[in-house]
Amino acid sequence: AEWEAFRLARRLAPLGPIPLDDDRYWDLRLTKAEQAAADNALAPLADRPLLAISTGTKCQANDWEHDNWQALVTRLGRDLPDWGLVLLGADAEAAQADALLSAWNGPGLNLCGQTSPRVSAAVLQRVTLFAGHD
């Protein structure tokens, strides 16, 4: 499958080149306050590698379903005993996130509904691994 950014750049190529490898086009210009909010949110998991998971999707066809997420979290919890788990998403996903935290073999945080999209982006800058639908 083609990365969406490459597909769009290819489609827009007649308008001029789009240097997707230039980091300045990917910089969200997160503020110091947004960065600090992410640091504060992640403080309980400081000094450990982090796995972030977002289970929510707007498209039902992309829903991986709770049992699959639970199996993944259980397996990764065994394989990554020193890692922390961070769950991100909307407030409506908080109950599922709590259930997944109970399957995790270590410390974790449910940030569903607790952070803005931009603070969530700052959180994601600090994680080692991300798992999500897309």
Protein backbone atom coordinates (compact mmCIF):
# COMPACT_ATOMS: atom_id res chain seq x y z
CA ALA A 1 0.00 0.00 0.00
CA GLU A 2 1.19 3.47 -0.82
CA TRP A 3 1.69 5.92 2.03
CA GLU A 4 -1.10 8.51 1.82
CA ALA A 5 1.29 11.46 1.78
CA PHE A 6 3.15 9.97 -1.21
CA ARG A 7 -0.11 9.33 -3.04
CA LEU A 8 -1.24 12.92 -2.53
CA ALA A 9 2.16 14.32 -3.53
CA ARG A 10 2.08 12.21 -6.69
CA ARG A 11 -1.41 13.46 -7.53
CA LEU A 12 -0.33 17.08 -6.99
CA ALA A 13 2.99 16.73 -8.84
CA PRO A 14 1.83 18.86 -11.81
CA LEU A 15 1.66 21.82 -9.40
CA GLY A 16 5.30 21.38 -8.39
CA PRO A 17 7.52 19.17 -6.24
CA ILE A 18 6.59 18.35 -2.66
CA PRO A 19 9.71 17.40 -0.67
CA LEU A 20 8.20 14.92 1.78
CA ASP A 21 11.62 14.15 3.24
CA ASP A 22 12.00 17.76 4.49
CA ASP A 23 11.26 17.72 8.25
CA ARG A 24 10.01 21.31 8.28
CA TYR A 25 6.84 20.20 6.51
CA TRP A 26 6.08 17.74 9.30
CA ASP A 27 6.75 20.06 12.25
CA LEU A 28 3.50 20.76 14.13
CA ARG A 29 5.14 23.69 15.92
CA LEU A 30 3.89 22.48 19.27
CA THR A 31 4.08 25.17 21.92
CA LYS A 32 6.12 24.98 25.11
CA ALA A 33 2.83 24.75 27.01
CA GLU A 34 1.70 21.76 24.89
CA GLN A 35 5.09 20.08 25.39
CA ALA A 36 4.90 20.72 29.14
CA ALA A 37 1.37 19.32 29.31
CA ALA A 38 2.60 16.13 27.63
CA ASP A 39 5.52 15.87 30.06
CA ASN A 40 3.14 16.34 33.01
CA ALA A 41 0.71 13.74 31.67
CA LEU A 42 3.52 11.21 31.22
CA ALA A 43 5.29 11.94 34.53
CA PRO A 44 4.03 8.73 36.21
CA LEU A 45 5.77 6.72 33.47
CA ALA A 46 9.03 8.67 33.37
CA ASP A 47 12.30 6.91 32.54
CA ARG A 48 10.86 3.93 30.69
CA PRO A 49 10.07 3.14 27.06
CA LEU A 50 6.45 3.80 26.18
CA LEU A 51 3.91 2.02 24.02
CA ALA A 52 0.97 4.21 22.93
CA ILE A 53 -2.27 2.72 21.65
CA SER A 54 -5.32 4.39 20.18
CA THR A 55 -8.21 2.02 19.55
CA GLY A 56 -10.76 4.50 18.25
CA THR A 57 -11.81 4.87 14.66
CA LYS A 58 -14.43 6.89 12.83
CA CYS A 59 -14.88 4.14 10.26
CA GLN A 60 -16.53 0.96 11.56
CA ALA A 61 -14.77 -1.10 8.89
CA ASN A 62 -11.44 -0.19 10.54
CA ASP A 63 -12.53 -1.29 14.02
CA TRP A 64 -10.18 -4.05 15.18
CA GLU A 65 -12.56 -4.93 18.04
CA HIS A 66 -11.85 -5.21 21.73
CA ASP A 67 -10.86 -8.90 21.85
CA ASN A 68 -8.06 -8.32 19.34
CA TRP A 69 -6.77 -5.27 21.22
CA GLN A 70 -6.93 -7.21 24.49
CA ALA A 71 -4.92 -10.08 23.00
CA LEU A 72 -2.31 -7.65 21.66
CA VAL A 73 -2.00 -5.78 24.97
CA THR A 74 -1.75 -9.05 26.93
CA ARG A 75 0.99 -10.34 24.63
CA LEU A 76 2.95 -7.09 24.56
CA GLY A 77 2.62 -6.78 28.33
CA ARG A 78 4.40 -10.12 28.68
CA ASP A 79 7.01 -9.28 26.03
CA LEU A 80 7.70 -5.72 27.24
CA PRO A 81 7.72 -5.97 31.04
CA ASP A 82 9.68 -2.74 31.59
CA TRP A 83 7.52 -0.59 29.31
CA GLY A 84 4.69 1.75 30.17
CA LEU A 85 1.39 1.80 28.27
CA VAL A 86 -0.35 5.03 27.24
CA LEU A 87 -3.86 4.94 25.79
CA LEU A 88 -4.95 7.94 23.75
CA GLY A 89 -8.29 8.81 22.24
CA ALA A 90 -11.65 10.41 22.78
CA ASP A 91 -13.56 10.38 26.05
CA ALA A 92 -15.93 7.77 24.57
CA GLU A 93 -12.98 5.34 24.38
CA ALA A 94 -12.01 5.65 28.05
CA ALA A 95 -13.92 2.55 29.23
CA GLN A 96 -12.26 0.34 26.63
CA ALA A 97 -8.90 1.86 27.54
CA ASP A 98 -9.48 1.01 31.21
CA ALA A 99 -10.22 -2.59 30.24
CA LEU A 100 -7.01 -2.75 28.20
CA LEU A 101 -4.99 -1.33 31.09
CA SER A 102 -6.22 -4.20 33.24
CA ALA A 103 -4.71 -6.63 30.71
CA TRP A 104 -1.35 -4.82 30.72
CA ASN A 105 1.43 -6.28 32.83
CA GLY A 106 2.89 -3.02 34.07
CA PRO A 107 2.25 0.68 34.63
CA GLY A 108 -0.07 2.52 32.32
CA LEU A 109 -2.10 5.66 31.76
CA ASN A 110 -5.51 6.20 30.28
CA LEU A 111 -5.37 9.63 28.64
CA CYS A 112 -8.56 9.15 26.61
CA GLY A 113 -10.48 12.41 26.73
CA GLN A 114 -7.80 13.95 28.96
CA THR A 115 -5.58 15.64 26.36
CA SER A 116 -6.23 17.86 23.38
CA PRO A 117 -5.23 16.57 19.93
CA ARG A 118 -2.10 18.74 20.02
CA VAL A 119 -1.06 17.56 23.49
CA SER A 120 -1.70 14.01 22.27
CA ALA A 121 0.71 14.76 19.41
CA ALA A 122 3.29 15.91 21.96
CA VAL A 123 2.71 12.67 23.91
CA LEU A 124 3.26 10.68 20.72
CA GLN A 125 6.60 12.42 20.19
CA ARG A 126 7.76 10.81 23.44
CA VAL A 127 6.68 7.22 22.83
CA THR A 128 8.83 4.43 21.45
CA LEU A 129 6.07 2.51 19.67
CA PHE A 130 2.53 3.34 18.53
CA ALA A 131 -0.28 0.94 17.60
CA GLY A 132 -3.51 2.14 16.03
CA HIS A 133 -5.98 1.35 13.29
CA ASP A 134 -4.44 3.51 10.61
